[in-house]
Structure formats: structure tokens, C-alpha cells
Amino acid sequence: MKKNMGTIDKAIRILIAIVIGVLYFTNTISGIMAIILGILAIAFVLTSFMSFCPLYLPFGINTLKKKEK
């Protein structure tokens, strides 16, 4: 897997995952919505740590700067 995520992209994904976690633990979201957003948050964290997003491939998106490669 070739890296295709830049630093800002990873930071935004981690921030969104944290917000979803806070919303869940404060009981702002619950039920099916909590499950769906929880899965999304886990996917965001995993893709951030791998610096690779499989959904970027078909669209040719690459947020990685030349220096980070």
C-alpha cells in the first residue's frame, strides 16, 4: 500500500474520531447512529495510522506532499 494521506488529512480524521467518541460517551448519540458513527471513527483512526485511504485510489486523490513521501 502506497501512502496517500497527508498530515492535515490524518489530523482531521483523528479529530473527527475524537468528536464522535465524545458524543457517544456523553450520550448525545445512541442506537444505530452511534454504531454507524463508531465504525466510521474506527475506520478514520485506522486509515490515519496507516496513512492510506482505499477510497482515494479510484478517484486518484493523494493529499501527501512530496516531502512526506
PDB file of N, CA and C in Angstrom:
ATOM      1  N   MET A   1       0.840  -1.185   0.000  1.00  0.00           N
ATOM      2  CA  MET A   1       0.000   0.000   0.000  1.00  0.00           C
ATOM      3  C   MET A   1       0.878   1.239   0.000  1.00  0.00           C
ATOM      4  N   LYS A   2       0.676   2.064  -0.973  1.00  0.00           N
ATOM      5  CA  LYS A   2       1.417   3.307  -1.083  1.00  0.00           C
ATOM      6  C   LYS A   2       0.673   4.392  -0.297  1.00  0.00           C
ATOM      7  N   LYS A   3       1.391   5.131   0.525  1.00  0.00           N
ATOM      8  CA  LYS A   3       0.777   6.183   1.324  1.00  0.00           C
ATOM      9  C   LYS A   3       0.117   7.217   0.421  1.00  0.00           C
ATOM     10  N   ASN A   4      -1.083   7.658   0.826  1.00  0.00           N
ATOM     11  CA  ASN A   4      -1.775   8.686   0.046  1.00  0.00           C
ATOM     12  C   ASN A   4      -2.490   9.712   0.927  1.00  0.00           C
ATOM     13  N   MET A   5      -2.084   9.794   2.198  1.00  0.00           N
ATOM     14  CA  MET A   5      -2.701  10.755   3.117  1.00  0.00           C
ATOM     15  C   MET A   5      -1.644  11.664   3.729  1.00  0.00           C
ATOM     16  N   GLY A   6      -1.919  12.951   3.697  1.00  0.00           N
ATOM     17  CA  GLY A   6      -1.011  13.928   4.283  1.00  0.00           C
ATOM     18  C   GLY A   6      -1.288  14.144   5.767  1.00  0.00           C
ATOM     19  N   THR A   7      -0.461  14.951   6.380  1.00  0.00           N
ATOM     20  CA  THR A   7      -0.549  15.213   7.814  1.00  0.00           C
ATOM     21  C   THR A   7      -1.859  15.888   8.198  1.00  0.00           C
ATOM     22  N   ILE A   8      -2.271  16.871   7.440  1.00  0.00           N
ATOM     23  CA  ILE A   8      -3.512  17.585   7.753  1.00  0.00           C
ATOM     24  C   ILE A   8      -4.713  16.651   7.616  1.00  0.00           C
ATOM     25  N   ASP A   9      -4.714  15.832   6.587  1.00  0.00           N
ATOM     26  CA  ASP A   9      -5.784  14.861   6.367  1.00  0.00           C
ATOM     27  C   ASP A   9      -5.892  13.904   7.555  1.00  0.00           C
ATOM     28  N   LYS A  10      -4.746  13.413   8.025  1.00  0.00           N
ATOM     29  CA  LYS A  10      -4.742  12.491   9.165  1.00  0.00           C
ATOM     30  C   LYS A  10      -5.234  13.182  10.435  1.00  0.00           C
ATOM     31  N   ALA A  11      -4.813  14.422  10.651  1.00  0.00           N
ATOM     32  CA  ALA A  11      -5.217  15.162  11.847  1.00  0.00           C
ATOM     33  C   ALA A  11      -6.724  15.409  11.861  1.00  0.00           C
ATOM     34  N   ILE A  12      -7.276  15.740  10.708  1.00  0.00           N
ATOM     35  CA  ILE A  12      -8.723  15.979  10.624  1.00  0.00           C
ATOM     36  C   ILE A  12      -9.490  14.695  10.934  1.00  0.00           C
ATOM     37  N   ARG A  13      -9.018  13.566  10.407  1.00  0.00           N
ATOM     38  CA  ARG A  13      -9.687  12.286  10.660  1.00  0.00           C
ATOM     39  C   ARG A  13      -9.639  11.912  12.142  1.00  0.00           C
ATOM     40  N   ILE A  14      -8.483  12.128  12.785  1.00  0.00           N
ATOM     41  CA  ILE A  14      -8.354  11.831  14.211  1.00  0.00           C
ATOM     42  C   ILE A  14      -9.276  12.745  15.017  1.00  0.00           C
ATOM     43  N   LEU A  15      -9.333  14.018  14.656  1.00  0.00           N
ATOM     44  CA  LEU A  15     -10.204  14.972  15.348  1.00  0.00           C
ATOM     45  C   LEU A  15     -11.671  14.569  15.231  1.00  0.00           C
ATOM     46  N   ILE A  16     -12.096  14.154  14.050  1.00  0.00           N
ATOM     47  CA  ILE A  16     -13.480  13.706  13.854  1.00  0.00           C
ATOM     48  C   ILE A  16     -13.761  12.466  14.700  1.00  0.00           C
ATOM     49  N   ALA A  17     -12.801  11.539  14.758  1.00  0.00           N
ATOM     50  CA  ALA A  17     -12.976  10.331  15.571  1.00  0.00           C
ATOM     51  C   ALA A  17     -13.113  10.689  17.052  1.00  0.00           C
ATOM     52  N   ILE A  18     -12.337  11.654  17.514  1.00  0.00           N
ATOM     53  CA  ILE A  18     -12.424  12.090  18.912  1.00  0.00           C
ATOM     54  C   ILE A  18     -13.785  12.716  19.189  1.00  0.00           C
ATOM     55  N   VAL A  19     -14.264  13.544  18.279  1.00  0.00           N
ATOM     56  CA  VAL A  19     -15.584  14.183  18.448  1.00  0.00           C
ATOM     57  C   VAL A  19     -16.674  13.118  18.513  1.00  0.00           C
ATOM     58  N   ILE A  20     -16.598  12.123  17.650  1.00  0.00           N
ATOM     59  CA  ILE A  20     -17.596  11.039  17.672  1.00  0.00           C
ATOM     60  C   ILE A  20     -17.534  10.297  19.003  1.00  0.00           C
ATOM     61  N   GLY A  21     -16.318  10.039  19.497  1.00  0.00           N
ATOM     62  CA  GLY A  21     -16.165   9.374  20.795  1.00  0.00           C
ATOM     63  C   GLY A  21     -16.766  10.185  21.930  1.00  0.00           C
ATOM     64  N   VAL A  22     -16.522  11.481  21.926  1.00  0.00           N
ATOM     65  CA  VAL A  22     -17.086  12.354  22.967  1.00  0.00           C
ATOM     66  C   VAL A  22     -18.609  12.362  22.884  1.00  0.00           C
ATOM     67  N   LEU A  23     -19.150  12.456  21.679  1.00  0.00           N
ATOM     68  CA  LEU A  23     -20.606  12.443  21.522  1.00  0.00           C
ATOM     69  C   LEU A  23     -21.207  11.132  22.036  1.00  0.00           C
ATOM     70  N   TYR A  24     -20.512  10.033  21.805  1.00  0.00           N
ATOM     71  CA  TYR A  24     -21.011   8.741  22.269  1.00  0.00           C
ATOM     72  C   TYR A  24     -20.970   8.652  23.793  1.00  0.00           C
ATOM     73  N   PHE A  25     -19.838   9.030  24.379  1.00  0.00           N
ATOM     74  CA  PHE A  25     -19.694   8.883  25.829  1.00  0.00           C
ATOM     75  C   PHE A  25     -20.493   9.908  26.622  1.00  0.00           C
ATOM     76  N   THR A  26     -20.967  10.967  25.980  1.00  0.00           N
ATOM     77  CA  THR A  26     -21.853  11.913  26.659  1.00  0.00           C
ATOM     78  C   THR A  26     -23.323  11.614  26.351  1.00  0.00           C
ATOM     79  N   ASN A  27     -23.559  10.483  25.703  1.00  0.00           N
ATOM     80  CA  ASN A  27     -24.908  10.022  25.343  1.00  0.00           C
ATOM     81  C   ASN A  27     -25.656  10.993  24.436  1.00  0.00           C
ATOM     82  N   THR A  28     -24.920  11.749  23.653  1.00  0.00           N
ATOM     83  CA  THR A  28     -25.545  12.626  22.676  1.00  0.00           C
ATOM     84  C   THR A  28     -26.038  11.820  21.483  1.00  0.00           C
ATOM     85  N   ILE A  29     -25.277  10.788  21.121  1.00  0.00           N
ATOM     86  CA  ILE A  29     -25.706   9.874  20.064  1.00  0.00           C
ATOM     87  C   ILE A  29     -25.889   8.494  20.674  1.00  0.00           C
ATOM     88  N   SER A  30     -26.846   7.757  20.143  1.00  0.00           N
ATOM     89  CA  SER A  30     -27.084   6.406  20.647  1.00  0.00           C
ATOM     90  C   SER A  30     -27.769   5.584  19.561  1.00  0.00           C
ATOM     91  N   GLY A  31     -27.916   4.319  19.822  1.00  0.00           N
ATOM     92  CA  GLY A  31     -28.607   3.437  18.890  1.00  0.00           C
ATOM     93  C   GLY A  31     -27.821   3.183  17.621  1.00  0.00           C
ATOM     94  N   ILE A  32     -28.552   3.051  16.531  1.00  0.00           N
ATOM     95  CA  ILE A  32     -27.954   2.746  15.232  1.00  0.00           C
ATOM     96  C   ILE A  32     -26.976   3.845  14.806  1.00  0.00           C
ATOM     97  N   MET A  33     -27.331   5.099  15.065  1.00  0.00           N
ATOM     98  CA  MET A  33     -26.451   6.209  14.703  1.00  0.00           C
ATOM     99  C   MET A  33     -25.109   6.085  15.418  1.00  0.00           C
ATOM    100  N   ALA A  34     -25.113   5.709  16.675  1.00  0.00           N
ATOM    101  CA  ALA A  34     -23.868   5.543  17.428  1.00  0.00           C
ATOM    102  C   ALA A  34     -23.030   4.411  16.855  1.00  0.00           C
ATOM    103  N   ILE A  35     -23.664   3.343  16.451  1.00  0.00           N
ATOM    104  CA  ILE A  35     -22.943   2.205  15.879  1.00  0.00           C
ATOM    105  C   ILE A  35     -22.303   2.597  14.554  1.00  0.00           C
ATOM    106  N   ILE A  36     -23.061   3.247  13.689  1.00  0.00           N
ATOM    107  CA  ILE A  36     -22.541   3.656  12.376  1.00  0.00           C
ATOM    108  C   ILE A  36     -21.396   4.650  12.542  1.00  0.00           C
ATOM    109  N   LEU A  37     -21.584   5.663  13.379  1.00  0.00           N
ATOM    110  CA  LEU A  37     -20.527   6.650  13.581  1.00  0.00           C
ATOM    111  C   LEU A  37     -19.317   6.042  14.289  1.00  0.00           C
ATOM    112  N   GLY A  38     -19.541   5.069  15.169  1.00  0.00           N
ATOM    113  CA  GLY A  38     -18.435   4.382  15.834  1.00  0.00           C
ATOM    114  C   GLY A  38     -17.579   3.608  14.844  1.00  0.00           C
ATOM    115  N   ILE A  39     -18.224   2.930  13.921  1.00  0.00           N
ATOM    116  CA  ILE A  39     -17.485   2.205  12.872  1.00  0.00           C
ATOM    117  C   ILE A  39     -16.714   3.186  12.003  1.00  0.00           C
ATOM    118  N   LEU A  40     -17.336   4.302  11.670  1.00  0.00           N
ATOM    119  CA  LEU A  40     -16.665   5.330  10.881  1.00  0.00           C
ATOM    120  C   LEU A  40     -15.451   5.887  11.629  1.00  0.00           C
ATOM    121  N   ALA A  41     -15.596   6.119  12.931  1.00  0.00           N
ATOM    122  CA  ALA A  41     -14.490   6.644  13.735  1.00  0.00           C
ATOM    123  C   ALA A  41     -13.328   5.649  13.767  1.00  0.00           C
ATOM    124  N   ILE A  42     -13.636   4.371  13.914  1.00  0.00           N
ATOM    125  CA  ILE A  42     -12.588   3.340  13.915  1.00  0.00           C
ATOM    126  C   ILE A  42     -11.878   3.313  12.564  1.00  0.00           C
ATOM    127  N   ALA A  43     -12.645   3.406  11.483  1.00  0.00           N
ATOM    128  CA  ALA A  43     -12.048   3.424  10.139  1.00  0.00           C
ATOM    129  C   ALA A  43     -11.154   4.651   9.968  1.00  0.00           C
ATOM    130  N   PHE A  44     -11.586   5.793  10.469  1.00  0.00           N
ATOM    131  CA  PHE A  44     -10.776   7.010  10.372  1.00  0.00           C
ATOM    132  C   PHE A  44      -9.455   6.858  11.119  1.00  0.00           C
ATOM    133  N   VAL A  45      -9.508   6.290  12.323  1.00  0.00           N
ATOM    134  CA  VAL A  45      -8.293   6.111  13.112  1.00  0.00           C
ATOM    135  C   VAL A  45      -7.341   5.127  12.424  1.00  0.00           C
ATOM    136  N   LEU A  46      -7.872   4.014  11.954  1.00  0.00           N
ATOM    137  CA  LEU A  46      -7.026   3.020  11.290  1.00  0.00           C
ATOM    138  C   LEU A  46      -6.378   3.572  10.027  1.00  0.00           C
ATOM    139  N   THR A  47      -7.156   4.253   9.198  1.00  0.00           N
ATOM    140  CA  THR A  47      -6.582   4.801   7.969  1.00  0.00           C
ATOM    141  C   THR A  47      -5.578   5.908   8.263  1.00  0.00           C
ATOM    142  N   SER A  48      -5.776   6.632   9.354  1.00  0.00           N
ATOM    143  CA  SER A  48      -4.825   7.675   9.730  1.00  0.00           C
ATOM    144  C   SER A  48      -3.491   7.075  10.141  1.00  0.00           C
ATOM    145  N   PHE A  49      -3.520   5.996  10.907  1.00  0.00           N
ATOM    146  CA  PHE A  49      -2.276   5.373  11.335  1.00  0.00           C
ATOM    147  C   PHE A  49      -1.546   4.687  10.185  1.00  0.00           C
ATOM    148  N   MET A  50      -2.276   4.209   9.198  1.00  0.00           N
ATOM    149  CA  MET A  50      -1.652   3.559   8.047  1.00  0.00           C
ATOM    150  C   MET A  50      -1.256   4.571   6.967  1.00  0.00           C
ATOM    151  N   SER A  51      -1.770   5.794   7.067  1.00  0.00           N
ATOM    152  CA  SER A  51      -1.548   6.842   6.059  1.00  0.00           C
ATOM    153  C   SER A  51      -2.027   6.411   4.680  1.00  0.00           C
ATOM    154  N   PHE A  52      -3.055   5.600   4.656  1.00  0.00           N
ATOM    155  CA  PHE A  52      -3.575   5.073   3.400  1.00  0.00           C
ATOM    156  C   PHE A  52      -5.099   5.021   3.467  1.00  0.00           C
ATOM    157  N   CYS A  53      -5.757   5.592   2.461  1.00  0.00           N
ATOM    158  CA  CYS A  53      -7.212   5.532   2.363  1.00  0.00           C
ATOM    159  C   CYS A  53      -7.577   4.811   1.065  1.00  0.00           C
ATOM    160  N   PRO A  54      -8.199   3.626   1.166  1.00  0.00           N
ATOM    161  CA  PRO A  54      -8.533   2.884  -0.042  1.00  0.00           C
ATOM    162  C   PRO A  54      -9.562   3.594  -0.927  1.00  0.00           C
ATOM    163  N   LEU A  55     -10.377   4.461  -0.366  1.00  0.00           N
ATOM    164  CA  LEU A  55     -11.361   5.187  -1.175  1.00  0.00           C
ATOM    165  C   LEU A  55     -10.716   6.260  -2.046  1.00  0.00           C
ATOM    166  N   TYR A  56      -9.492   6.653  -1.737  1.00  0.00           N
ATOM    167  CA  TYR A  56      -8.796   7.642  -2.548  1.00  0.00           C
ATOM    168  C   TYR A  56      -8.311   7.045  -3.867  1.00  0.00           C
ATOM    169  N   LEU A  57      -8.044   5.742  -3.900  1.00  0.00           N
ATOM    170  CA  LEU A  57      -7.474   5.109  -5.097  1.00  0.00           C
ATOM    171  C   LEU A  57      -8.316   5.277  -6.357  1.00  0.00           C
ATOM    172  N   PRO A  58      -9.617   4.927  -6.345  1.00  0.00           N
ATOM    173  CA  PRO A  58     -10.380   5.038  -7.583  1.00  0.00           C
ATOM    174  C   PRO A  58     -10.511   6.474  -8.102  1.00  0.00           C
ATOM    175  N   PHE A  59     -10.407   7.440  -7.198  1.00  0.00           N
ATOM    176  CA  PHE A  59     -10.558   8.840  -7.594  1.00  0.00           C
ATOM    177  C   PHE A  59      -9.221   9.520  -7.841  1.00  0.00           C
ATOM    178  N   GLY A  60      -8.132   8.826  -7.588  1.00  0.00           N
ATOM    179  CA  GLY A  60      -6.802   9.381  -7.814  1.00  0.00           C
ATOM    180  C   GLY A  60      -6.436  10.492  -6.852  1.00  0.00           C
ATOM    181  N   ILE A  61      -7.001  10.491  -5.668  1.00  0.00           N
ATOM    182  CA  ILE A  61      -6.731  11.534  -4.678  1.00  0.00           C
ATOM    183  C   ILE A  61      -5.464  11.180  -3.911  1.00  0.00           C
ATOM    184  N   ASN A  62      -4.625  12.178  -3.695  1.00  0.00           N
ATOM    185  CA  ASN A  62      -3.416  11.994  -2.907  1.00  0.00           C
ATOM    186  C   ASN A  62      -3.153  13.301  -2.168  1.00  0.00           C
ATOM    187  N   THR A  63      -3.294  13.299  -0.842  1.00  0.00           N
ATOM    188  CA  THR A  63      -3.091  14.506  -0.052  1.00  0.00           C
ATOM    189  C   THR A  63      -1.693  14.556   0.547  1.00  0.00           C
ATOM    190  N   LEU A  64      -0.857  13.609   0.188  1.00  0.00           N
ATOM    191  CA  LEU A  64       0.503  13.529   0.686  1.00  0.00           C
ATOM    192  C   LEU A  64       1.397  14.498  -0.088  1.00  0.00           C
ATOM    193  N   LYS A  65       2.120  15.342   0.644  1.00  0.00           N
ATOM    194  CA  LYS A  65       3.038  16.268  -0.008  1.00  0.00           C
ATOM    195  C   LYS A  65       4.273  15.507  -0.479  1.00  0.00           C
ATOM    196  N   LYS A  66       4.951  16.045  -1.433  1.00  0.00           N
ATOM    197  CA  LYS A  66       6.144  15.418  -1.986  1.00  0.00           C
ATOM    198  C   LYS A  66       7.209  15.134  -0.917  1.00  0.00           C
ATOM    199  N   LYS A  67       7.367  16.035   0.047  1.00  0.00           N
ATOM    200  CA  LYS A  67       8.394  15.886   1.095  1.00  0.00           C
ATOM    201  C   LYS A  67       8.093  14.730   2.027  1.00  0.00           C
ATOM    202  N   GLU A  68       6.804  14.427   2.275  1.00  0.00           N
ATOM    203  CA  GLU A  68       6.409  13.400   3.235  1.00  0.00           C
ATOM    204  C   GLU A  68       6.599  11.991   2.702  1.00  0.00           C
ATOM    205  N   LYS A  69       6.718  11.828   1.409  1.00  0.00           N
ATOM    206  CA  LYS A  69       6.842  10.506   0.821  1.00  0.00           C
ATOM    207  C   LYS A  69       8.173   9.938   1.202  1.00  0.00           C
TER     208      LYS A  69
END
